[in-house]
PDB file of N, CA and C in Angstrom:
ATOM      1  N   MET A   1     -11.564 -14.721  -9.329  1.00  0.00           N
ATOM      2  CA  MET A   1     -10.979 -14.647  -8.722  1.00  0.00           C
ATOM      3  C   MET A   1      -9.758 -13.660  -8.997  1.00  0.00           C
ATOM      4  N   GLY A   2      -9.475 -13.197 -10.294  1.00  0.00           N
ATOM      5  CA  GLY A   2      -8.449 -12.414 -10.654  1.00  0.00           C
ATOM      6  C   GLY A   2      -8.906 -10.982 -10.333  1.00  0.00           C
ATOM      7  N   HIS A   3     -10.034 -10.660 -10.213  1.00  0.00           N
ATOM      8  CA  HIS A   3     -10.370  -9.244  -9.800  1.00  0.00           C
ATOM      9  C   HIS A   3      -9.724  -9.214  -8.056  1.00  0.00           C
ATOM     10  N   GLN A   4     -10.523 -10.280  -7.443  1.00  0.00           N
ATOM     11  CA  GLN A   4      -9.764 -10.322  -5.841  1.00  0.00           C
ATOM     12  C   GLN A   4      -8.171 -10.185  -5.976  1.00  0.00           C
ATOM     13  N   ARG A   5      -7.315 -11.127  -6.276  1.00  0.00           N
ATOM     14  CA  ARG A   5      -6.413 -10.707  -6.322  1.00  0.00           C
ATOM     15  C   ARG A   5      -5.600  -9.241  -6.514  1.00  0.00           C
ATOM     16  N   MET A   6      -6.490  -8.501  -7.943  1.00  0.00           N
ATOM     17  CA  MET A   6      -6.030  -7.246  -8.075  1.00  0.00           C
ATOM     18  C   MET A   6      -6.407  -6.210  -6.814  1.00  0.00           C
ATOM     19  N   HIS A   7      -7.459  -6.243  -6.365  1.00  0.00           N
ATOM     20  CA  HIS A   7      -8.152  -5.628  -5.423  1.00  0.00           C
ATOM     21  C   HIS A   7      -7.051  -5.526  -4.012  1.00  0.00           C
ATOM     22  N   GLU A   8      -6.512  -7.063  -3.671  1.00  0.00           N
ATOM     23  CA  GLU A   8      -5.570  -6.901  -2.393  1.00  0.00           C
ATOM     24  C   GLU A   8      -4.308  -6.631  -2.827  1.00  0.00           C
ATOM     25  N   SER A   9      -4.157  -6.521  -4.085  1.00  0.00           N
ATOM     26  CA  SER A   9      -2.902  -5.832  -4.481  1.00  0.00           C
ATOM     27  C   SER A   9      -3.028  -4.529  -4.253  1.00  0.00           C
ATOM     28  N   SER A  10      -3.630  -3.739  -4.727  1.00  0.00           N
ATOM     29  CA  SER A  10      -4.059  -2.243  -4.704  1.00  0.00           C
ATOM     30  C   SER A  10      -4.182  -2.291  -3.086  1.00  0.00           C
ATOM     31  N   LEU A  11      -4.769  -2.763  -2.458  1.00  0.00           N
ATOM     32  CA  LEU A  11      -5.089  -2.718  -0.701  1.00  0.00           C
ATOM     33  C   LEU A  11      -3.923  -2.567  -0.231  1.00  0.00           C
ATOM     34  N   GLY A  12      -2.786  -3.408  -0.405  1.00  0.00           N
ATOM     35  CA  GLY A  12      -1.627  -3.674   0.232  1.00  0.00           C
ATOM     36  C   GLY A  12      -0.879  -2.307  -0.369  1.00  0.00           C
ATOM     37  N   GLU A  13      -1.033  -1.858  -1.406  1.00  0.00           N
ATOM     38  CA  GLU A  13      -0.458  -0.495  -1.847  1.00  0.00           C
ATOM     39  C   GLU A  13      -0.733   0.699  -1.006  1.00  0.00           C
ATOM     40  N   ASP A  14      -1.970   0.617  -0.820  1.00  0.00           N
ATOM     41  CA  ASP A  14      -2.951   1.713  -0.097  1.00  0.00           C
ATOM     42  C   ASP A  14      -2.110   1.786   1.404  1.00  0.00           C
ATOM     43  N   VAL A  15      -2.250   0.621   2.329  1.00  0.00           N
ATOM     44  CA  VAL A  15      -1.571   0.747   3.246  1.00  0.00           C
ATOM     45  C   VAL A  15      -0.269   0.900   3.104  1.00  0.00           C
ATOM     46  N   LEU A  16       0.637   0.640   2.338  1.00  0.00           N
ATOM     47  CA  LEU A  16       1.913   0.891   2.194  1.00  0.00           C
ATOM     48  C   LEU A  16       2.305   2.739   2.241  1.00  0.00           C
ATOM     49  N   ARG A  17       1.334   3.044   1.097  1.00  0.00           N
ATOM     50  CA  ARG A  17       1.271   4.577   0.638  1.00  0.00           C
ATOM     51  C   ARG A  17       0.914   4.976   2.091  1.00  0.00           C
ATOM     52  N   ALA A  18      -0.320   4.812   2.988  1.00  0.00           N
ATOM     53  CA  ALA A  18      -0.705   5.641   4.401  1.00  0.00           C
ATOM     54  C   ALA A  18       0.704   5.313   5.254  1.00  0.00           C
ATOM     55  N   VAL A  19       1.358   4.441   5.214  1.00  0.00           N
ATOM     56  CA  VAL A  19       2.496   4.083   6.174  1.00  0.00           C
ATOM     57  C   VAL A  19       3.816   5.257   5.826  1.00  0.00           C
ATOM     58  N   LEU A  20       3.920   4.856   4.789  1.00  0.00           N
ATOM     59  CA  LEU A  20       5.276   5.814   4.179  1.00  0.00           C
ATOM     60  C   LEU A  20       4.924   7.312   4.434  1.00  0.00           C
ATOM     61  N   GLU A  21       3.441   7.693   4.324  1.00  0.00           N
ATOM     62  CA  GLU A  21       3.018   9.263   4.440  1.00  0.00           C
ATOM     63  C   GLU A  21       3.521   9.846   6.150  1.00  0.00           C
ATOM     64  N   ARG A  22       2.935   8.585   6.603  1.00  0.00           N
ATOM     65  CA  ARG A  22       3.043   8.934   8.309  1.00  0.00           C
ATOM     66  C   ARG A  22       4.425   8.867   8.723  1.00  0.00           C
ATOM     67  N   ALA A  23       5.304   7.884   8.071  1.00  0.00           N
ATOM     68  CA  ALA A  23       6.530   7.842   8.310  1.00  0.00           C
ATOM     69  C   ALA A  23       7.486   8.879   7.972  1.00  0.00           C
ATOM     70  N   THR A  24       6.883   9.656   6.354  1.00  0.00           N
ATOM     71  CA  THR A  24       7.789  10.698   6.417  1.00  0.00           C
ATOM     72  C   THR A  24       7.464  11.896   7.520  1.00  0.00           C
ATOM     73  N   GLU A  25       6.322  11.857   7.828  1.00  0.00           N
ATOM     74  CA  GLU A  25       5.708  12.844   8.737  1.00  0.00           C
ATOM     75  C   GLU A  25       6.816  12.911   9.844  1.00  0.00           C
ATOM     76  N   ALA A  26       6.870  11.576  10.468  1.00  0.00           N
ATOM     77  CA  ALA A  26       7.503  11.390  11.886  1.00  0.00           C
ATOM     78  C   ALA A  26       8.895  11.570  11.726  1.00  0.00           C
ATOM     79  N   GLY A  27       9.502  11.374  10.271  1.00  0.00           N
ATOM     80  CA  GLY A  27      11.077  11.546   9.939  1.00  0.00           C
ATOM     81  C   GLY A  27      11.570  10.158  10.482  1.00  0.00           C
ATOM     82  N   ALA A  28      10.882   9.079  10.416  1.00  0.00           N
ATOM     83  CA  ALA A  28      11.199   7.838  10.687  1.00  0.00           C
ATOM     84  C   ALA A  28      12.372   7.253   9.818  1.00  0.00           C
ATOM     85  N   THR A  29      13.229   6.205  10.023  1.00  0.00           N
ATOM     86  CA  THR A  29      14.387   5.846   9.370  1.00  0.00           C
ATOM     87  C   THR A  29      13.586   4.204   8.820  1.00  0.00           C
ATOM     88  N   ARG A  30      12.815   3.988   9.838  1.00  0.00           N
ATOM     89  CA  ARG A  30      12.187   2.317   9.730  1.00  0.00           C
ATOM     90  C   ARG A  30      10.987   2.365  10.224  1.00  0.00           C
ATOM     91  N   VAL A  31      10.004   1.347   9.704  1.00  0.00           N
ATOM     92  CA  VAL A  31       8.944   1.001  10.126  1.00  0.00           C
ATOM     93  C   VAL A  31       8.796  -0.416  10.958  1.00  0.00           C
ATOM     94  N   ARG A  32       8.688  -0.483  11.892  1.00  0.00           N
ATOM     95  CA  ARG A  32       8.684  -2.059  12.614  1.00  0.00           C
ATOM     96  C   ARG A  32       7.529  -2.768  12.390  1.00  0.00           C
ATOM     97  N   VAL A  33       6.091  -1.996  12.796  1.00  0.00           N
ATOM     98  CA  VAL A  33       5.116  -3.015  13.296  1.00  0.00           C
ATOM     99  C   VAL A  33       4.191  -2.008  12.574  1.00  0.00           C
ATOM    100  N   VAL A  34       3.046  -2.136  11.476  1.00  0.00           N
ATOM    101  CA  VAL A  34       1.861  -1.621  11.226  1.00  0.00           C
ATOM    102  C   VAL A  34       0.820  -2.236  11.653  1.00  0.00           C
ATOM    103  N   ARG A  35      -0.331  -1.595  12.477  1.00  0.00           N
ATOM    104  CA  ARG A  35      -1.574  -2.483  13.012  1.00  0.00           C
ATOM    105  C   ARG A  35      -2.513  -1.575  11.878  1.00  0.00           C
ATOM    106  N   CYS A  36      -3.450  -2.206  11.261  1.00  0.00           N
ATOM    107  CA  CYS A  36      -4.693  -1.645  10.766  1.00  0.00           C
ATOM    108  C   CYS A  36      -5.766  -2.573  10.399  1.00  0.00           C
ATOM    109  N   HIS A  37      -6.871  -1.990   9.803  1.00  0.00           N
ATOM    110  CA  HIS A  37      -8.261  -2.829   9.392  1.00  0.00           C
ATOM    111  C   HIS A  37      -8.599  -1.862   8.492  1.00  0.00           C
ATOM    112  N   ILE A  38      -9.204  -2.874   7.476  1.00  0.00           N
ATOM    113  CA  ILE A  38     -10.056  -2.879   6.309  1.00  0.00           C
ATOM    114  C   ILE A  38     -11.354  -3.171   6.498  1.00  0.00           C
ATOM    115  N   VAL A  39     -12.362  -2.143   6.170  1.00  0.00           N
ATOM    116  CA  VAL A  39     -13.660  -2.671   6.154  1.00  0.00           C
ATOM    117  C   VAL A  39     -14.393  -2.594   4.721  1.00  0.00           C
ATOM    118  N   GLU A  40     -14.647  -3.607   4.101  1.00  0.00           N
ATOM    119  CA  GLU A  40     -15.010  -3.772   2.740  1.00  0.00           C
ATOM    120  C   GLU A  40     -16.359  -4.421   2.717  1.00  0.00           C
ATOM    121  N   MET A  41     -16.861  -4.365   1.234  1.00  0.00           N
ATOM    122  CA  MET A  41     -18.049  -5.161   0.795  1.00  0.00           C
ATOM    123  C   MET A  41     -17.631  -6.278   0.278  1.00  0.00           C
ATOM    124  N   GLU A  42     -16.783  -7.153   0.616  1.00  0.00           N
ATOM    125  CA  GLU A  42     -16.284  -8.421   0.118  1.00  0.00           C
ATOM    126  C   GLU A  42     -15.592  -8.809   1.097  1.00  0.00           C
ATOM    127  N   TRP A  43     -15.345 -10.466   0.934  1.00  0.00           N
ATOM    128  CA  TRP A  43     -14.349 -11.359   1.521  1.00  0.00           C
ATOM    129  C   TRP A  43     -12.930 -10.877   1.268  1.00  0.00           C
ATOM    130  N   LEU A  44     -12.033 -10.755   1.986  1.00  0.00           N
ATOM    131  CA  LEU A  44     -10.831 -10.219   1.613  1.00  0.00           C
ATOM    132  C   LEU A  44      -9.751 -11.310   2.438  1.00  0.00           C
ATOM    133  N   ASP A  45      -8.684 -11.482   1.805  1.00  0.00           N
ATOM    134  CA  ASP A  45      -7.602 -12.375   2.486  1.00  0.00           C
ATOM    135  C   ASP A  45      -6.309 -11.448   2.882  1.00  0.00           C
ATOM    136  N   PRO A  46      -6.453 -11.425   4.535  1.00  0.00           N
ATOM    137  CA  PRO A  46      -5.296 -10.620   4.839  1.00  0.00           C
ATOM    138  C   PRO A  46      -3.969 -11.218   4.770  1.00  0.00           C
ATOM    139  N   GLU A  47      -3.638 -12.571   4.612  1.00  0.00           N
ATOM    140  CA  GLU A  47      -2.323 -12.867   3.943  1.00  0.00           C
ATOM    141  C   GLU A  47      -2.158 -12.411   2.646  1.00  0.00           C
ATOM    142  N   ALA A  48      -2.917 -12.322   1.653  1.00  0.00           N
ATOM    143  CA  ALA A  48      -2.563 -11.999   0.510  1.00  0.00           C
ATOM    144  C   ALA A  48      -2.278 -10.266   0.728  1.00  0.00           C
ATOM    145  N   ILE A  49      -3.064  -9.731   1.152  1.00  0.00           N
ATOM    146  CA  ILE A  49      -2.715  -8.013   1.464  1.00  0.00           C
ATOM    147  C   ILE A  49      -1.286  -7.904   2.115  1.00  0.00           C
ATOM    148  N   ALA A  50      -1.023  -8.935   3.295  1.00  0.00           N
ATOM    149  CA  ALA A  50       0.245  -8.504   3.654  1.00  0.00           C
ATOM    150  C   ALA A  50       1.595  -8.975   2.768  1.00  0.00           C
ATOM    151  N   PHE A  51       1.528  -9.755   2.097  1.00  0.00           N
ATOM    152  CA  PHE A  51       1.911 -10.193   0.556  1.00  0.00           C
ATOM    153  C   PHE A  51       2.395  -9.198  -0.037  1.00  0.00           C
ATOM    154  N   HIS A  52       1.248  -8.571  -0.507  1.00  0.00           N
ATOM    155  CA  HIS A  52       1.557  -7.444  -1.436  1.00  0.00           C
ATOM    156  C   HIS A  52       2.252  -6.064  -0.742  1.00  0.00           C
ATOM    157  N   PHE A  53       1.556  -6.174   0.476  1.00  0.00           N
ATOM    158  CA  PHE A  53       2.425  -4.631   1.254  1.00  0.00           C
ATOM    159  C   PHE A  53       3.909  -4.962   1.049  1.00  0.00           C
ATOM    160  N   ALA A  54       4.202  -6.234   1.736  1.00  0.00           N
ATOM    161  CA  ALA A  54       5.560  -6.594   1.909  1.00  0.00           C
ATOM    162  C   ALA A  54       6.511  -6.658   0.466  1.00  0.00           C
ATOM    163  N   ALA A  55       5.775  -7.022  -0.556  1.00  0.00           N
ATOM    164  CA  ALA A  55       6.371  -6.744  -2.099  1.00  0.00           C
ATOM    165  C   ALA A  55       6.445  -5.461  -2.164  1.00  0.00           C
ATOM    166  N   HIS A  56       5.728  -4.693  -2.019  1.00  0.00           N
ATOM    167  CA  HIS A  56       5.573  -3.161  -2.564  1.00  0.00           C
ATOM    168  C   HIS A  56       6.496  -2.327  -1.524  1.00  0.00           C
ATOM    169  N   ALA A  57       6.752  -2.777  -0.436  1.00  0.00           N
ATOM    170  CA  ALA A  57       7.726  -2.170   0.911  1.00  0.00           C
ATOM    171  C   ALA A  57       8.868  -2.294   0.511  1.00  0.00           C
ATOM    172  N   ARG A  58       9.252  -3.247  -0.390  1.00  0.00           N
ATOM    173  CA  ARG A  58      11.010  -3.533  -0.552  1.00  0.00           C
ATOM    174  C   ARG A  58      11.625  -2.522  -0.932  1.00  0.00           C
ATOM    175  N   GLY A  59      12.560  -2.190  -0.397  1.00  0.00           N
ATOM    176  CA  GLY A  59      13.444  -0.642  -0.754  1.00  0.00           C
ATOM    177  C   GLY A  59      12.849   0.522  -0.123  1.00  0.00           C
ATOM    178  N   THR A  60      12.130   0.205   0.744  1.00  0.00           N
ATOM    179  CA  THR A  60      11.387   1.719   1.646  1.00  0.00           C
ATOM    180  C   THR A  60      11.598   1.451   3.042  1.00  0.00           C
ATOM    181  N   VAL A  61      11.419   2.442   3.939  1.00  0.00           N
ATOM    182  CA  VAL A  61      11.624   2.440   4.942  1.00  0.00           C
ATOM    183  C   VAL A  61      10.843   1.504   6.062  1.00  0.00           C
ATOM    184  N   ALA A  62       9.638   1.013   4.966  1.00  0.00           N
ATOM    185  CA  ALA A  62       8.748  -0.239   5.346  1.00  0.00           C
ATOM    186  C   ALA A  62       9.140  -1.483   5.092  1.00  0.00           C
ATOM    187  N   GLU A  63      10.155  -1.939   4.646  1.00  0.00           N
ATOM    188  CA  GLU A  63      10.577  -2.843   4.325  1.00  0.00           C
ATOM    189  C   GLU A  63      10.665  -4.156   5.724  1.00  0.00           C
ATOM    190  N   GLY A  64      10.328  -4.978   5.669  1.00  0.00           N
ATOM    191  CA  GLY A  64      10.464  -5.817   6.704  1.00  0.00           C
ATOM    192  C   GLY A  64       9.230  -5.373   8.130  1.00  0.00           C
ATOM    193  N   ALA A  65       8.679  -4.760   7.777  1.00  0.00           N
ATOM    194  CA  ALA A  65       7.907  -4.363   8.714  1.00  0.00           C
ATOM    195  C   ALA A  65       6.542  -5.275   8.860  1.00  0.00           C
ATOM    196  N   ARG A  66       6.193  -5.475  10.228  1.00  0.00           N
ATOM    197  CA  ARG A  66       5.430  -6.328  10.343  1.00  0.00           C
ATOM    198  C   ARG A  66       4.053  -5.825  10.298  1.00  0.00           C
ATOM    199  N   LEU A  67       2.987  -6.513   9.459  1.00  0.00           N
ATOM    200  CA  LEU A  67       1.672  -5.942   8.806  1.00  0.00           C
ATOM    201  C   LEU A  67       0.521  -7.026   9.922  1.00  0.00           C
ATOM    202  N   GLU A  68       0.117  -6.113  10.998  1.00  0.00           N
ATOM    203  CA  GLU A  68      -1.008  -6.854  11.831  1.00  0.00           C
ATOM    204  C   GLU A  68      -2.302  -6.224  11.076  1.00  0.00           C
ATOM    205  N   LEU A  69      -2.881  -7.200  10.516  1.00  0.00           N
ATOM    206  CA  LEU A  69      -4.267  -6.668   9.994  1.00  0.00           C
ATOM    207  C   LEU A  69      -5.555  -7.338  10.182  1.00  0.00           C
ATOM    208  N   ALA A  70      -6.618  -6.509  10.398  1.00  0.00           N
ATOM    209  CA  ALA A  70      -7.840  -7.160  10.968  1.00  0.00           C
ATOM    210  C   ALA A  70      -8.677  -6.804   9.297  1.00  0.00           C
ATOM    211  N   THR A  71      -9.723  -7.902   8.729  1.00  0.00           N
ATOM    212  CA  THR A  71     -10.594  -7.378   8.276  1.00  0.00           C
ATOM    213  C   THR A  71     -11.785  -7.455   8.136  1.00  0.00           C
ATOM    214  N   THR A  72     -12.753  -6.836   7.865  1.00  0.00           N
ATOM    215  CA  THR A  72     -14.210  -6.754   8.280  1.00  0.00           C
ATOM    216  C   THR A  72     -15.595  -6.477   7.049  1.00  0.00           C
ATOM    217  N   TRP A  73     -15.966  -7.737   6.700  1.00  0.00           N
ATOM    218  CA  TRP A  73     -16.687  -7.337   5.899  1.00  0.00           C
ATOM    219  C   TRP A  73     -18.118  -6.285   6.545  1.00  0.00           C
ATOM    220  N   VAL A  74     -18.504  -5.220   5.763  1.00  0.00           N
ATOM    221  CA  VAL A  74     -19.707  -4.455   6.326  1.00  0.00           C
ATOM    222  C   VAL A  74     -20.875  -4.916   6.137  1.00  0.00           C
ATOM    223  N   GLU A  75     -21.592  -4.547   7.089  1.00  0.00           N
ATOM    224  CA  GLU A  75     -22.976  -5.218   6.922  1.00  0.00           C
ATOM    225  C   GLU A  75     -24.111  -3.587   6.800  1.00  0.00           C
ATOM    226  N   ALA A  76     -25.207  -4.586   6.200  1.00  0.00           N
ATOM    227  CA  ALA A  76     -26.138  -3.364   5.680  1.00  0.00           C
ATOM    228  C   ALA A  76     -27.630  -3.800   6.464  1.00  0.00           C
ATOM    229  N   ASP A  77     -28.474  -2.919   6.827  1.00  0.00           N
ATOM    230  CA  ASP A  77     -29.804  -3.179   6.961  1.00  0.00           C
ATOM    231  C   ASP A  77     -30.817  -2.782   5.898  1.00  0.00           C
ATOM    232  N   CYS A  78     -31.377  -3.521   5.484  1.00  0.00           N
ATOM    233  CA  CYS A  78     -32.140  -3.410   4.265  1.00  0.00           C
ATOM    234  C   CYS A  78     -33.332  -2.294   4.839  1.00  0.00           C
ATOM    235  N   SER A  79     -33.579  -1.277   3.584  1.00  0.00           N
ATOM    236  CA  SER A  79     -34.695   0.186   4.344  1.00  0.00           C
ATOM    237  C   SER A  79     -36.158  -0.811   4.101  1.00  0.00           C
ATOM    238  N   ASN A  80     -36.197  -1.636   3.277  1.00  0.00           N
ATOM    239  CA  ASN A  80     -37.399  -2.185   2.753  1.00  0.00           C
ATOM    240  C   ASN A  80     -38.041  -3.381   3.904  1.00  0.00           C
ATOM    241  N   CYS A  81     -37.146  -4.245   3.837  1.00  0.00           N
ATOM    242  CA  CYS A  81     -37.753  -5.495   4.784  1.00  0.00           C
ATOM    243  C   CYS A  81     -37.115  -5.463   6.017  1.00  0.00           C
ATOM    244  N   GLY A  82     -35.909  -4.703   6.361  1.00  0.00           N
ATOM    245  CA  GLY A  82     -35.337  -4.608   8.047  1.00  0.00           C
ATOM    246  C   GLY A  82     -34.157  -5.839   8.196  1.00  0.00           C
ATOM    247  N   LYS A  83     -34.142  -6.775   7.015  1.00  0.00           N
ATOM    248  CA  LYS A  83     -33.294  -7.430   7.403  1.00  0.00           C
ATOM    249  C   LYS A  83     -32.011  -7.470   7.252  1.00  0.00           C
ATOM    250  N   ARG A  84     -30.808  -7.635   7.952  1.00  0.00           N
ATOM    251  CA  ARG A  84     -29.635  -7.189   8.149  1.00  0.00           C
ATOM    252  C   ARG A  84     -28.855  -8.321   7.262  1.00  0.00           C
ATOM    253  N   TYR A  85     -27.808  -7.887   5.982  1.00  0.00           N
ATOM    254  CA  TYR A  85     -27.113  -8.606   4.853  1.00  0.00           C
ATOM    255  C   TYR A  85     -25.785  -8.116   5.099  1.00  0.00           C
ATOM    256  N   LYS A  86     -25.075  -8.712   4.365  1.00  0.00           N
ATOM    257  CA  LYS A  86     -23.531  -8.554   3.693  1.00  0.00           C
ATOM    258  C   LYS A  86     -23.770  -8.081   2.530  1.00  0.00           C
ATOM    259  N   PRO A  87     -23.727  -6.695   2.226  1.00  0.00           N
ATOM    260  CA  PRO A  87     -23.719  -6.436   0.312  1.00  0.00           C
ATOM    261  C   PRO A  87     -22.202  -7.046  -0.197  1.00  0.00           C
ATOM    262  N   ASP A  88     -22.438  -7.017  -1.291  1.00  0.00           N
ATOM    263  CA  ASP A  88     -21.199  -7.098  -2.357  1.00  0.00           C
ATOM    264  C   ASP A  88     -20.614  -6.090  -2.949  1.00  0.00           C
ATOM    265  N   GLN A  89     -19.614  -6.196  -3.451  1.00  0.00           N
ATOM    266  CA  GLN A  89     -18.839  -4.929  -4.205  1.00  0.00           C
ATOM    267  C   GLN A  89     -19.926  -4.266  -5.385  1.00  0.00           C
ATOM    268  N   LEU A  90     -20.749  -4.800  -5.930  1.00  0.00           N
ATOM    269  CA  LEU A  90     -21.860  -4.684  -6.938  1.00  0.00           C
ATOM    270  C   LEU A  90     -23.046  -3.714  -6.410  1.00  0.00           C
ATOM    271  N   GLY A  91     -23.064  -3.825  -5.118  1.00  0.00           N
ATOM    272  CA  GLY A  91     -23.920  -2.914  -4.704  1.00  0.00           C
ATOM    273  C   GLY A  91     -24.827  -3.357  -3.682  1.00  0.00           C
ATOM    274  N   LEU A  92     -25.770  -2.786  -3.151  1.00  0.00           N
ATOM    275  CA  LEU A  92     -26.643  -2.877  -2.142  1.00  0.00           C
ATOM    276  C   LEU A  92     -27.914  -3.469  -2.397  1.00  0.00           C
ATOM    277  N   LEU A  93     -28.066  -5.070  -2.958  1.00  0.00           N
ATOM    278  CA  LEU A  93     -28.994  -5.707  -3.400  1.00  0.00           C
ATOM    279  C   LEU A  93     -29.270  -6.459  -2.323  1.00  0.00           C
ATOM    280  N   CYS A  94     -30.595  -6.331  -1.565  1.00  0.00           N
ATOM    281  CA  CYS A  94     -30.918  -7.413  -0.440  1.00  0.00           C
ATOM    282  C   CYS A  94     -31.233  -8.688  -0.655  1.00  0.00           C
ATOM    283  N   PRO A  95     -30.632  -9.727  -0.091  1.00  0.00           N
ATOM    284  CA  PRO A  95     -31.274 -11.193  -0.977  1.00  0.00           C
ATOM    285  C   PRO A  95     -32.119 -11.392  -0.439  1.00  0.00           C
ATOM    286  N   HIS A  96     -32.976 -10.805   0.485  1.00  0.00           N
ATOM    287  CA  HIS A  96     -34.102 -11.403   1.135  1.00  0.00           C
ATOM    288  C   HIS A  96     -34.889 -10.620   0.245  1.00  0.00           C
ATOM    289  N   CYS A  97     -35.018  -9.310  -0.115  1.00  0.00           N
ATOM    290  CA  CYS A  97     -36.245  -8.920  -0.506  1.00  0.00           C
ATOM    291  C   CYS A  97     -36.040  -8.182  -2.009  1.00  0.00           C
ATOM    292  N   GLY A  98     -34.669  -8.083  -2.437  1.00  0.00           N
ATOM    293  CA  GLY A  98     -34.371  -7.550  -3.551  1.00  0.00           C
ATOM    294  C   GLY A  98     -34.280  -6.206  -3.825  1.00  0.00           C
ATOM    295  N   SER A  99     -34.539  -5.227  -2.597  1.00  0.00           N
ATOM    296  CA  SER A  99     -34.557  -4.119  -2.742  1.00  0.00           C
ATOM    297  C   SER A  99     -32.737  -3.567  -2.622  1.00  0.00           C
ATOM    298  N   THR A 100     -32.746  -2.095  -3.317  1.00  0.00           N
ATOM    299  CA  THR A 100     -31.476  -1.747  -2.964  1.00  0.00           C
ATOM    300  C   THR A 100     -31.255  -0.487  -2.408  1.00  0.00           C
ATOM    301  N   GLU A 101     -32.328  -0.231  -1.688  1.00  0.00           N
ATOM    302  CA  GLU A 101     -32.392   0.931  -0.525  1.00  0.00           C
ATOM    303  C   GLU A 101     -31.858   0.025   0.778  1.00  0.00           C
ATOM    304  N   ALA A 102     -30.784   0.749   1.240  1.00  0.00           N
ATOM    305  CA  ALA A 102     -30.034   0.229   2.325  1.00  0.00           C
ATOM    306  C   ALA A 102     -29.339   1.170   3.203  1.00  0.00           C
ATOM    307  N   GLU A 103     -28.683   0.897   4.490  1.00  0.00           N
ATOM    308  CA  GLU A 103     -27.958   1.590   5.281  1.00  0.00           C
ATOM    309  C   GLU A 103     -26.815   1.097   5.641  1.00  0.00           C
ATOM    310  N   LEU A 104     -25.545   1.129   5.352  1.00  0.00           N
ATOM    311  CA  LEU A 104     -24.231   0.411   5.705  1.00  0.00           C
ATOM    312  C   LEU A 104     -24.113   0.889   6.803  1.00  0.00           C
ATOM    313  N   LEU A 105     -23.859  -0.108   8.007  1.00  0.00           N
ATOM    314  CA  LEU A 105     -23.690  -0.218   9.183  1.00  0.00           C
ATOM    315  C   LEU A 105     -22.465   0.556   9.830  1.00  0.00           C
ATOM    316  N   SER A 106     -21.326   0.715   9.120  1.00  0.00           N
ATOM    317  CA  SER A 106     -20.208   1.037   9.337  1.00  0.00           C
ATOM    318  C   SER A 106     -19.594   1.688   7.754  1.00  0.00           C
ATOM    319  N   GLU A 107     -18.500   2.584   7.842  1.00  0.00           N
ATOM    320  CA  GLU A 107     -18.051   3.312   6.462  1.00  0.00           C
ATOM    321  C   GLU A 107     -17.229   2.187   6.026  1.00  0.00           C
ATOM    322  N   THR A 108     -16.819   1.976   4.500  1.00  0.00           N
ATOM    323  CA  THR A 108     -15.986   1.094   3.925  1.00  0.00           C
ATOM    324  C   THR A 108     -14.416   1.920   3.986  1.00  0.00           C
ATOM    325  N   GLY A 109     -13.348   1.197   3.959  1.00  0.00           N
ATOM    326  CA  GLY A 109     -12.051   1.849   3.727  1.00  0.00           C
ATOM    327  C   GLY A 109     -11.072   0.936   4.608  1.00  0.00           C
ATOM    328  N   LEU A 110      -9.869   1.937   4.629  1.00  0.00           N
ATOM    329  CA  LEU A 110      -8.662   1.185   5.410  1.00  0.00           C
ATOM    330  C   LEU A 110      -8.662   2.473   6.605  1.00  0.00           C
ATOM    331  N   CYS A 111      -8.058   1.763   7.890  1.00  0.00           N
ATOM    332  CA  CYS A 111      -8.026   2.473   9.001  1.00  0.00           C
ATOM    333  C   CYS A 111      -6.572   1.978   9.491  1.00  0.00           C
ATOM    334  N   ILE A 112      -5.549   3.032   9.803  1.00  0.00           N
ATOM    335  CA  ILE A 112      -4.228   2.758  10.347  1.00  0.00           C
ATOM    336  C   ILE A 112      -4.455   3.047  11.674  1.00  0.00           C
ATOM    337  N   ASP A 113      -4.585   1.962  12.748  1.00  0.00           N
ATOM    338  CA  ASP A 113      -4.402   1.858  13.902  1.00  0.00           C
ATOM    339  C   ASP A 113      -3.324   2.554  14.990  1.00  0.00           C
ATOM    340  N   MET A 114      -2.060   2.072  14.588  1.00  0.00           N
ATOM    341  CA  MET A 114      -0.853   2.108  14.890  1.00  0.00           C
ATOM    342  C   MET A 114       0.145   2.023  14.471  1.00  0.00           C
ATOM    343  N   ILE A 115       1.426   2.502  14.351  1.00  0.00           N
ATOM    344  CA  ILE A 115       2.490   2.435  13.662  1.00  0.00           C
ATOM    345  C   ILE A 115       3.906   2.358  14.525  1.00  0.00           C
ATOM    346  N   LEU A 116       4.423   1.606  14.738  1.00  0.00           N
ATOM    347  CA  LEU A 116       5.771   1.551  15.509  1.00  0.00           C
ATOM    348  C   LEU A 116       7.287   1.751  14.544  1.00  0.00           C
ATOM    349  N   PHE A 117       7.684   3.098  14.665  1.00  0.00           N
ATOM    350  CA  PHE A 117       8.899   3.439  13.997  1.00  0.00           C
ATOM    351  C   PHE A 117      10.180   3.413  14.670  1.00  0.00           C
ATOM    352  N   ASP A 118      11.193   3.576  14.159  1.00  0.00           N
ATOM    353  CA  ASP A 118      12.300   3.632  14.556  1.00  0.00           C
ATOM    354  C   ASP A 118      13.023   5.120  14.187  1.00  0.00           C
TER     355      ASP A 118
END
């Protein structure tokens, strides 16, 4: 569980960093709403990420911004047996046949969909 909290803390920081970059480019004085999604190879707690985002946002133009966050667990198709499964952060190990050859069905990472500035 410790690793999980560390990861969600760093994801909260990643969201904030991306938002502050865009706010600077836009010359914004305040960030009101951020809508984004994160695709990962593990279960994530959106509330924990939002908590860390808010904590790191204190003293920045994003302080008090509402974070609307969707999280998705990426799926993979096994190249050996053809079954679909949810890989974990340790790698692409098929739970059905043990193969490590698979195709991720989407890219993992963070995507900012919309930011409302003042």
